[in-house]
């Protein structure tokens, strides 16, 4: 069962429908994590990679729950910002699942580079305060870790790929029906940048709807935001659970996907 990008517009902006699907997805993910048994032995060499992907999945699921909560409360702008966070988390998880082993290690060890660099940047601004922020032993350990890995991050990033390039790379490896990250890059990542970076687009609605403190989004706006979050969650469940559990829980995933898209025939698109 794949994802149709050109779904029924009436459902795409139908907030009650999208909210109902979102809660089904949360329950489904909880059941899958609690009850399903992984097919792979955790002692296999690839366990480190899958542990990272699972952790990213957990982070994404928590963000998804926050999007649902914000949307229910009518906080559209903040839900849009978190949709971008959700997108990046889902994208990195899907990318690392099939990335070269060294790339996985670069991602895993990046904290050793970043922690010390952040301390150095803080020291340039407030040397006295930075020196007292952490104990000498912690600072010594941070510097030692940095010296161990610094040569692996010459440009200061764990990967040289842009978000767009990563989206295209992931789509190239996903099966038909789930090549969605390039589409959602434009529909979520780029659009939500306005709210994340507070550019002028993020406040234009304040001039359309009276009131600078309280903004009342339309149900259609909330529906579209939740639709995009559901889009990512459905894809992420396929990527993560499929790699861990094989086809064991595919029927339930497909049933939710059909209901989300308004496909009534259980055999359609299976």
Protein backbone atom coordinates (compact mmCIF):
# COMPACT_ATOMS: atom_id res chain seq x y z
CA UNK A 1 0.00 0.00 0.00
CA UNK A 2 1.61 3.23 -1.12
CA UNK A 3 0.86 6.86 -0.40
CA UNK A 4 -1.05 8.85 -2.97
CA UNK A 5 0.26 12.40 -3.09
CA UNK A 6 -2.81 13.64 -4.97
CA UNK A 7 -5.29 12.52 -2.32
CA UNK A 8 -8.89 13.71 -2.02
CA UNK A 9 -8.63 17.47 -1.34
CA UNK A 10 -11.75 17.28 0.82
CA UNK A 11 -9.92 14.92 3.19
CA UNK A 12 -6.61 16.78 2.98
CA UNK A 13 -8.16 19.83 4.67
CA UNK A 14 -10.69 17.93 6.81
CA UNK A 15 -9.33 18.54 10.30
CA UNK A 16 -11.58 16.09 12.20
CA UNK A 17 -10.61 13.35 9.73
CA UNK A 18 -6.88 14.14 9.95
CA UNK A 19 -7.05 14.32 13.75
CA UNK A 20 -8.79 10.95 13.93
CA UNK A 21 -6.11 9.38 11.73
CA UNK A 22 -3.37 11.00 13.82
CA UNK A 23 -4.66 9.38 16.98
CA UNK A 24 -4.91 6.02 15.22
CA UNK A 25 -1.29 6.39 14.17
CA UNK A 26 -0.21 7.14 17.74
CA UNK A 27 -2.01 4.07 19.02
CA UNK A 28 -0.62 1.94 16.19
CA UNK A 29 2.96 3.04 16.89
CA UNK A 30 2.54 2.35 20.59
CA UNK A 31 1.20 -1.16 19.93
CA UNK A 32 3.92 -1.91 17.43
CA UNK A 33 6.72 -0.88 19.76
CA UNK A 34 5.16 -2.67 22.76
CA UNK A 35 3.99 -5.93 21.20
CA UNK A 36 5.88 -6.67 17.98
CA UNK A 37 9.09 -8.68 18.19
CA UNK A 38 12.00 -7.61 15.97
CA UNK A 39 13.07 -10.15 13.36
CA UNK A 40 16.73 -9.30 13.81
CA UNK A 41 18.99 -10.55 16.59
CA UNK A 42 20.26 -7.50 18.49
CA UNK A 43 23.76 -8.98 18.47
CA UNK A 44 24.08 -8.51 14.72
CA UNK A 45 26.63 -5.89 13.56
CA UNK A 46 23.89 -3.63 12.21
CA UNK A 47 22.35 -3.17 15.65
CA UNK A 48 24.15 0.16 16.18
CA UNK A 49 22.60 1.60 13.02
CA UNK A 50 19.14 0.36 13.88
CA UNK A 51 19.44 1.62 17.46
CA UNK A 52 20.06 5.12 16.11
CA UNK A 53 17.13 4.85 13.70
CA UNK A 54 14.85 3.60 16.48
CA UNK A 55 15.92 6.52 18.70
CA UNK A 56 15.19 8.96 15.89
CA UNK A 57 11.83 7.27 15.43
CA UNK A 58 11.05 7.80 19.09
CA UNK A 59 12.01 11.46 18.81
CA UNK A 60 9.79 11.81 15.74
CA UNK A 61 6.83 10.15 17.44
CA UNK A 62 7.11 12.54 20.40
CA UNK A 63 7.24 15.49 18.02
CA UNK A 64 4.22 14.12 16.17
CA UNK A 65 2.29 13.94 19.46
CA UNK A 66 3.20 17.59 20.09
CA UNK A 67 1.96 18.57 16.61
CA UNK A 68 -1.37 16.88 17.34
CA UNK A 69 -1.65 18.63 20.69
CA UNK A 70 -0.86 22.05 19.21
CA UNK A 71 -3.24 21.56 16.30
CA UNK A 72 -6.07 20.57 18.67
CA UNK A 73 -5.46 23.80 20.60
CA UNK A 74 -5.46 25.86 17.40
CA UNK A 75 -1.78 26.80 17.52
CA UNK A 76 -1.21 26.52 13.77
CA UNK A 77 2.07 28.45 13.57
CA UNK A 78 3.78 26.35 16.21
CA UNK A 79 2.42 23.14 14.68
CA UNK A 80 3.91 24.25 11.34
CA UNK A 81 7.30 24.80 12.98
CA UNK A 82 7.23 21.34 14.53
CA UNK A 83 6.23 19.83 11.19
CA UNK A 84 9.63 20.93 9.92
CA UNK A 85 11.31 19.33 12.96
CA UNK A 86 9.31 16.18 12.28
CA UNK A 87 10.34 16.23 8.62
CA UNK A 88 14.06 16.49 9.39
CA UNK A 89 13.87 13.73 11.99
CA UNK A 90 12.01 11.38 9.66
CA UNK A 91 14.37 12.19 6.79
CA UNK A 92 17.55 11.56 8.81
CA UNK A 93 16.13 8.27 10.13
CA UNK A 94 15.25 7.08 6.63
CA UNK A 95 18.64 8.21 5.29
CA UNK A 96 20.72 6.53 7.98
CA UNK A 97 18.87 3.26 7.54
CA UNK A 98 20.69 2.74 4.21
CA UNK A 99 23.66 5.10 4.51
CA UNK A 100 27.29 3.93 4.40
CA UNK A 101 28.59 2.64 7.74
CA UNK A 102 31.04 5.56 8.08
CA UNK A 103 28.20 8.05 7.65
CA UNK A 104 26.33 6.38 10.51
CA UNK A 105 29.45 6.66 12.67
CA UNK A 106 29.90 10.31 11.71
CA UNK A 107 26.33 11.02 12.77
CA UNK A 108 26.77 9.06 16.00
CA UNK A 109 30.03 10.81 17.02
CA UNK A 110 29.04 14.31 15.97
CA UNK A 111 28.20 15.31 19.54
CA UNK A 112 31.90 15.09 20.43
CA UNK A 113 32.69 17.70 17.80
CA UNK A 114 29.66 19.91 18.38
CA UNK A 115 29.79 20.12 22.19
CA UNK A 116 33.31 21.55 22.25
CA UNK A 117 32.74 23.87 19.30
CA UNK A 118 29.65 25.30 21.00
CA UNK A 119 31.73 25.84 24.15
CA UNK A 120 34.41 27.62 22.10
CA UNK A 121 31.84 29.88 20.46
CA UNK A 122 30.31 30.68 23.86
CA UNK A 123 33.80 31.48 25.20
CA UNK A 124 34.33 34.02 22.43
CA UNK A 125 31.26 35.88 23.65
CA UNK A 126 31.47 35.42 27.43
CA UNK A 127 34.81 33.83 28.38
CA UNK A 128 34.37 34.15 32.14
CA UNK A 129 30.84 32.74 32.21
CA UNK A 130 31.75 29.93 29.77
CA UNK A 131 34.69 28.88 31.92
CA UNK A 132 32.40 28.50 34.93
CA UNK A 133 29.52 26.82 33.10
CA UNK A 134 31.07 23.35 33.35
CA UNK A 135 33.58 21.69 35.68
CA UNK A 136 37.25 21.47 34.62
CA UNK A 137 36.97 17.67 34.34
CA UNK A 138 34.00 17.89 31.99
CA UNK A 139 35.72 20.53 29.87
CA UNK A 140 38.86 18.41 29.68
CA UNK A 141 36.84 15.40 28.54
CA UNK A 142 34.95 17.48 25.98
CA UNK A 143 38.19 18.81 24.51
CA UNK A 144 39.70 15.32 24.34
CA UNK A 145 36.64 14.02 22.52
CA UNK A 146 36.77 16.93 20.11
CA UNK A 147 40.45 16.30 19.31
CA UNK A 148 39.64 12.67 18.59
CA UNK A 149 37.01 13.39 15.92
CA UNK A 150 37.65 16.94 14.68
CA UNK A 151 39.37 15.77 11.50
CA UNK A 152 36.19 14.02 10.39
CA UNK A 153 34.18 17.27 10.28
CA UNK A 154 36.28 19.75 8.25
CA UNK A 155 33.24 21.85 7.35
CA UNK A 156 31.60 21.57 10.77
CA UNK A 157 28.74 19.27 9.72
CA UNK A 158 28.17 15.53 10.08
CA UNK A 159 27.23 15.30 6.40
CA UNK A 160 27.93 17.46 3.39
CA UNK A 161 24.56 16.66 1.86
CA UNK A 162 21.94 19.38 1.73
CA UNK A 163 18.46 18.58 2.99
CA UNK A 164 17.16 18.55 -0.57
CA UNK A 165 19.91 16.20 -1.75
CA UNK A 166 19.25 13.88 1.17
CA UNK A 167 15.54 13.84 0.34
CA UNK A 168 16.31 12.82 -3.24
CA UNK A 169 18.77 10.17 -2.07
CA UNK A 170 16.21 8.64 0.31
CA UNK A 171 13.49 8.63 -2.35
CA UNK A 172 15.83 6.81 -4.73
CA UNK A 173 16.04 3.93 -2.22
CA UNK A 174 12.38 3.75 -1.17
CA UNK A 175 9.88 1.52 -3.01
CA UNK A 176 7.22 2.94 -5.28
CA UNK A 177 4.42 4.52 -3.31
CA UNK A 178 6.74 5.79 -0.58
CA UNK A 179 9.01 8.13 -2.55
CA UNK A 180 7.64 11.11 -0.68
CA UNK A 181 10.54 13.03 0.84
CA UNK A 182 11.23 15.22 -2.19
CA UNK A 183 7.56 16.20 -2.32
CA UNK A 184 7.38 16.89 1.43
CA UNK A 185 10.63 18.88 1.23
CA UNK A 186 8.70 21.49 -0.73
CA UNK A 187 5.38 21.05 1.05
CA UNK A 188 6.72 21.00 4.62
CA UNK A 189 10.39 21.89 5.03
CA UNK A 190 10.51 24.95 2.79
CA UNK A 191 7.07 26.26 3.77
CA UNK A 192 7.63 25.80 7.52
CA UNK A 193 10.92 27.71 7.32
CA UNK A 194 8.90 30.91 7.55
CA UNK A 195 7.75 30.01 11.05
CA UNK A 196 11.04 28.53 12.22
CA UNK A 197 13.02 31.62 11.16
CA UNK A 198 10.24 34.18 11.78
CA UNK A 199 10.46 35.76 8.36
CA UNK A 200 7.68 38.14 7.32
CA UNK A 201 5.47 35.31 6.02
CA UNK A 202 5.09 34.08 9.58
CA UNK A 203 3.25 37.24 10.66
CA UNK A 204 1.22 38.07 7.56
CA UNK A 205 -1.88 36.42 8.99
CA UNK A 206 -1.77 38.89 11.88
CA UNK A 207 -2.57 41.66 9.43
CA UNK A 208 -5.37 39.71 7.80
CA UNK A 209 -7.08 38.57 11.00
CA UNK A 210 -7.46 41.28 13.68
CA UNK A 211 -5.53 40.63 16.87
CA UNK A 212 -1.78 40.31 17.28
CA UNK A 213 -1.87 38.04 20.34
CA UNK A 214 -4.65 35.64 19.45
CA UNK A 215 -4.72 34.16 15.96
CA UNK A 216 -7.63 31.94 15.01
CA UNK A 217 -6.68 29.60 12.14
CA UNK A 218 -9.35 28.02 9.97
CA UNK A 219 -10.20 24.35 10.33
CA UNK A 220 -8.96 23.88 6.77
CA UNK A 221 -5.56 25.31 7.73
CA UNK A 222 -5.34 23.00 10.73
CA UNK A 223 -6.45 20.10 8.58
CA UNK A 224 -3.65 20.71 6.07
CA UNK A 225 -1.04 20.96 8.83
CA UNK A 226 -2.20 17.71 10.39
CA UNK A 227 -2.40 16.06 6.97
CA UNK A 228 1.27 16.84 6.37
CA UNK A 229 2.25 15.51 9.81
CA UNK A 230 0.24 12.34 9.15
CA UNK A 231 1.97 12.05 5.79
CA UNK A 232 5.36 11.92 7.51
CA UNK A 233 4.20 9.63 10.30
CA UNK A 234 2.76 7.07 7.87
CA UNK A 235 6.00 7.07 5.89
CA UNK A 236 8.16 6.83 9.01
CA UNK A 237 6.13 3.91 10.37
CA UNK A 238 6.67 2.10 7.07
CA UNK A 239 10.42 2.80 7.07
CA UNK A 240 11.16 1.95 10.70
CA UNK A 241 8.68 -0.82 11.44
CA UNK A 242 9.25 -2.41 8.07
CA UNK A 243 12.98 -2.65 8.75
CA UNK A 244 12.44 -4.07 12.24
CA UNK A 245 9.42 -6.30 11.92
CA UNK A 246 9.20 -7.12 8.22
CA UNK A 247 5.62 -7.60 7.06
CA UNK A 248 4.23 -8.61 10.46
CA UNK A 249 2.33 -5.40 11.06
CA UNK A 250 1.87 -4.27 7.46
CA UNK A 251 -1.90 -5.03 7.33
CA UNK A 252 -2.67 -2.60 10.16
CA UNK A 253 -0.44 0.05 8.58
CA UNK A 254 -2.20 -0.41 5.24
CA UNK A 255 -5.65 -0.20 6.83
CA UNK A 256 -4.81 3.16 8.43
CA UNK A 257 -3.29 4.39 5.18
CA UNK A 258 -6.43 3.46 3.22
CA UNK A 259 -8.69 5.21 5.70
CA UNK A 260 -6.44 8.29 5.66
CA UNK A 261 -6.65 8.46 1.88
CA UNK A 262 -10.35 7.64 1.72
CA UNK A 263 -9.86 4.33 -0.09
CA UNK A 264 -12.87 2.24 0.84
CA UNK A 265 -12.04 -0.98 -1.00
CA UNK A 266 -9.71 -3.00 1.29
CA UNK A 267 -8.05 -4.53 -1.78
CA UNK A 268 -7.48 -1.25 -3.58
CA UNK A 269 -3.87 -0.23 -3.86
CA UNK A 270 -2.68 -3.12 -1.68
